[in-house]
Amino acid sequence: MIYFMKNNIVIRRMQDTDPQIFSNEECAQGWHASPQKYDMRISDEKKESLSHLQQNIRIILPAI
């Protein structure tokens, strides 16, 4: 999902390939980065999205 795009700036949801890329770039700058911290963020975001979707479905569908 893209949240914002203008000229050469894009703000989007993280993708499954991003953690390794981010970690590589942080290490190149001298940081001790691990892709697992980003994997956890993606996992948490997916759980939150699923929970939000489930809540919306409950609201839309009548109780049986």
N, C-alpha and C. Protein backbone atom coordinates (compact mmCIF):
# COMPACT_ATOMS: atom_id res chain seq x y z
N MET A 1 0.85 -1.17 0.00
CA MET A 1 0.00 0.00 0.00
C MET A 1 0.90 1.24 0.00
N ILE A 2 0.59 2.17 -0.87
CA ILE A 2 1.33 3.43 -0.93
C ILE A 2 0.52 4.49 -0.20
N TYR A 3 1.16 5.12 0.79
CA TYR A 3 0.49 6.15 1.58
C TYR A 3 0.70 7.54 0.98
N PHE A 4 1.86 7.74 0.34
CA PHE A 4 2.20 9.06 -0.20
C PHE A 4 3.19 8.87 -1.33
N MET A 5 3.02 9.61 -2.43
CA MET A 5 3.98 9.57 -3.53
C MET A 5 3.98 10.93 -4.21
N LYS A 6 5.15 11.54 -4.22
CA LYS A 6 5.30 12.82 -4.88
C LYS A 6 6.76 12.97 -5.30
N ASN A 7 6.97 13.27 -6.58
CA ASN A 7 8.32 13.38 -7.14
C ASN A 7 9.09 12.10 -6.85
N ASN A 8 10.20 12.18 -6.12
CA ASN A 8 11.00 10.99 -5.84
C ASN A 8 10.81 10.49 -4.41
N ILE A 9 9.72 10.90 -3.76
CA ILE A 9 9.44 10.47 -2.39
C ILE A 9 8.25 9.52 -2.41
N VAL A 10 8.46 8.33 -1.84
CA VAL A 10 7.39 7.35 -1.73
C VAL A 10 7.37 6.83 -0.30
N ILE A 11 6.20 6.91 0.32
CA ILE A 11 6.01 6.31 1.65
C ILE A 11 5.01 5.18 1.44
N ARG A 12 5.48 3.97 1.75
CA ARG A 12 4.66 2.79 1.51
C ARG A 12 4.78 1.80 2.66
N ARG A 13 3.89 0.84 2.67
CA ARG A 13 3.94 -0.23 3.66
C ARG A 13 5.21 -1.06 3.40
N MET A 14 5.81 -1.55 4.47
CA MET A 14 7.00 -2.38 4.32
C MET A 14 6.64 -3.67 3.60
N GLN A 15 7.58 -4.15 2.80
CA GLN A 15 7.41 -5.41 2.08
C GLN A 15 8.35 -6.45 2.66
N ASP A 16 8.06 -7.72 2.37
CA ASP A 16 8.85 -8.81 2.94
C ASP A 16 10.32 -8.77 2.56
N THR A 17 10.67 -8.11 1.46
CA THR A 17 12.07 -8.04 1.04
C THR A 17 12.82 -6.87 1.70
N ASP A 18 12.10 -5.96 2.34
CA ASP A 18 12.72 -4.77 2.92
C ASP A 18 13.68 -5.02 4.09
N PRO A 19 13.37 -5.94 5.02
CA PRO A 19 14.25 -6.09 6.19
C PRO A 19 15.71 -6.33 5.86
N GLN A 20 15.99 -7.19 4.90
CA GLN A 20 17.39 -7.45 4.56
C GLN A 20 18.04 -6.23 3.93
N ILE A 21 17.30 -5.53 3.09
CA ILE A 21 17.83 -4.32 2.45
C ILE A 21 18.14 -3.25 3.51
N PHE A 22 17.20 -3.04 4.42
CA PHE A 22 17.41 -2.03 5.47
C PHE A 22 18.60 -2.40 6.34
N SER A 23 18.67 -3.68 6.72
CA SER A 23 19.78 -4.15 7.55
C SER A 23 21.12 -3.95 6.85
N ASN A 24 21.19 -4.30 5.58
CA ASN A 24 22.44 -4.13 4.81
C ASN A 24 22.87 -2.67 4.80
N GLU A 25 21.93 -1.78 4.58
CA GLU A 25 22.25 -0.35 4.50
C GLU A 25 22.67 0.20 5.87
N GLU A 26 22.02 -0.26 6.93
CA GLU A 26 22.42 0.19 8.27
C GLU A 26 23.82 -0.31 8.61
N CYS A 27 24.13 -1.55 8.27
CA CYS A 27 25.47 -2.10 8.52
C CYS A 27 26.52 -1.32 7.72
N ALA A 28 26.17 -0.91 6.51
CA ALA A 28 27.11 -0.12 5.69
C ALA A 28 27.42 1.22 6.34
N GLN A 29 26.52 1.69 7.19
CA GLN A 29 26.73 2.96 7.90
C GLN A 29 27.39 2.74 9.26
N GLY A 30 27.74 1.49 9.56
CA GLY A 30 28.42 1.21 10.81
C GLY A 30 27.50 0.81 11.96
N TRP A 31 26.23 0.63 11.69
CA TRP A 31 25.29 0.21 12.74
C TRP A 31 25.30 -1.31 12.82
N HIS A 32 24.94 -1.83 13.96
CA HIS A 32 24.83 -3.28 14.14
C HIS A 32 23.36 -3.65 14.00
N ALA A 33 22.90 -3.74 12.77
CA ALA A 33 21.48 -3.95 12.49
C ALA A 33 21.19 -5.41 12.18
N SER A 34 19.98 -5.80 12.49
CA SER A 34 19.52 -7.15 12.22
C SER A 34 18.19 -7.07 11.48
N PRO A 35 18.01 -7.88 10.45
CA PRO A 35 16.73 -7.84 9.73
C PRO A 35 15.56 -8.29 10.59
N GLN A 36 15.83 -9.02 11.68
CA GLN A 36 14.75 -9.54 12.51
C GLN A 36 13.89 -8.44 13.13
N LYS A 37 14.48 -7.29 13.43
CA LYS A 37 13.66 -6.22 14.02
C LYS A 37 12.62 -5.72 13.02
N TYR A 38 12.98 -5.71 11.75
CA TYR A 38 12.02 -5.29 10.72
C TYR A 38 11.03 -6.41 10.41
N ASP A 39 11.51 -7.67 10.46
CA ASP A 39 10.59 -8.80 10.27
C ASP A 39 9.48 -8.74 11.32
N MET A 40 9.86 -8.40 12.55
CA MET A 40 8.88 -8.31 13.63
C MET A 40 7.87 -7.18 13.35
N ARG A 41 8.34 -6.07 12.84
CA ARG A 41 7.43 -4.96 12.52
C ARG A 41 6.44 -5.36 11.43
N ILE A 42 6.93 -6.06 10.41
CA ILE A 42 6.04 -6.51 9.34
C ILE A 42 5.01 -7.49 9.89
N SER A 43 5.46 -8.41 10.72
CA SER A 43 4.56 -9.39 11.34
C SER A 43 3.49 -8.70 12.18
N ASP A 44 3.91 -7.74 12.99
CA ASP A 44 2.96 -6.99 13.82
C ASP A 44 1.96 -6.23 12.97
N GLU A 45 2.42 -5.65 11.88
CA GLU A 45 1.53 -4.89 11.00
C GLU A 45 0.50 -5.81 10.35
N LYS A 46 0.94 -7.00 9.95
CA LYS A 46 0.01 -7.96 9.34
C LYS A 46 -1.04 -8.40 10.35
N LYS A 47 -0.61 -8.65 11.59
CA LYS A 47 -1.56 -9.04 12.64
C LYS A 47 -2.57 -7.92 12.89
N GLU A 48 -2.08 -6.70 12.94
CA GLU A 48 -2.96 -5.55 13.17
C GLU A 48 -3.94 -5.38 12.02
N SER A 49 -3.47 -5.55 10.79
CA SER A 49 -4.35 -5.42 9.63
C SER A 49 -5.42 -6.50 9.65
N LEU A 50 -5.05 -7.71 9.99
CA LEU A 50 -6.01 -8.80 10.05
C LEU A 50 -7.04 -8.54 11.14
N SER A 51 -6.58 -8.08 12.29
CA SER A 51 -7.50 -7.78 13.39
C SER A 51 -8.47 -6.68 12.99
N HIS A 52 -7.96 -5.65 12.33
CA HIS A 52 -8.81 -4.54 11.88
C HIS A 52 -9.84 -5.04 10.86
N LEU A 53 -9.40 -5.90 9.95
CA LEU A 53 -10.30 -6.46 8.95
C LEU A 53 -11.39 -7.28 9.63
N GLN A 54 -11.01 -8.09 10.61
CA GLN A 54 -11.99 -8.91 11.31
C GLN A 54 -13.01 -8.04 12.04
N GLN A 55 -12.57 -6.95 12.62
CA GLN A 55 -13.48 -6.04 13.31
C GLN A 55 -14.46 -5.43 12.31
N ASN A 56 -13.97 -5.04 11.14
CA ASN A 56 -14.84 -4.45 10.13
C ASN A 56 -15.86 -5.45 9.61
N ILE A 57 -15.44 -6.70 9.45
CA ILE A 57 -16.38 -7.73 8.99
C ILE A 57 -17.49 -7.92 10.01
N ARG A 58 -17.15 -7.93 11.27
CA ARG A 58 -18.17 -8.07 12.32
C ARG A 58 -19.17 -6.93 12.28
N ILE A 59 -18.69 -5.75 11.96
CA ILE A 59 -19.57 -4.58 11.91
C ILE A 59 -20.49 -4.66 10.70
N ILE A 60 -19.97 -5.11 9.56
CA ILE A 60 -20.73 -5.13 8.32
C ILE A 60 -21.76 -6.26 8.32
N LEU A 61 -21.37 -7.45 8.78
CA LEU A 61 -22.26 -8.59 8.72
C LEU A 61 -23.22 -8.59 9.92
N PRO A 62 -24.47 -8.89 9.67
CA PRO A 62 -25.41 -8.96 10.78
C PRO A 62 -25.15 -10.20 11.63
N ALA A 63 -25.44 -10.11 12.87
CA ALA A 63 -25.28 -11.26 13.77
C ALA A 63 -26.32 -12.32 13.41
N ILE A 64 -25.89 -13.54 13.40
CA ILE A 64 -26.82 -14.64 13.04
C ILE A 64 -27.17 -15.42 14.30
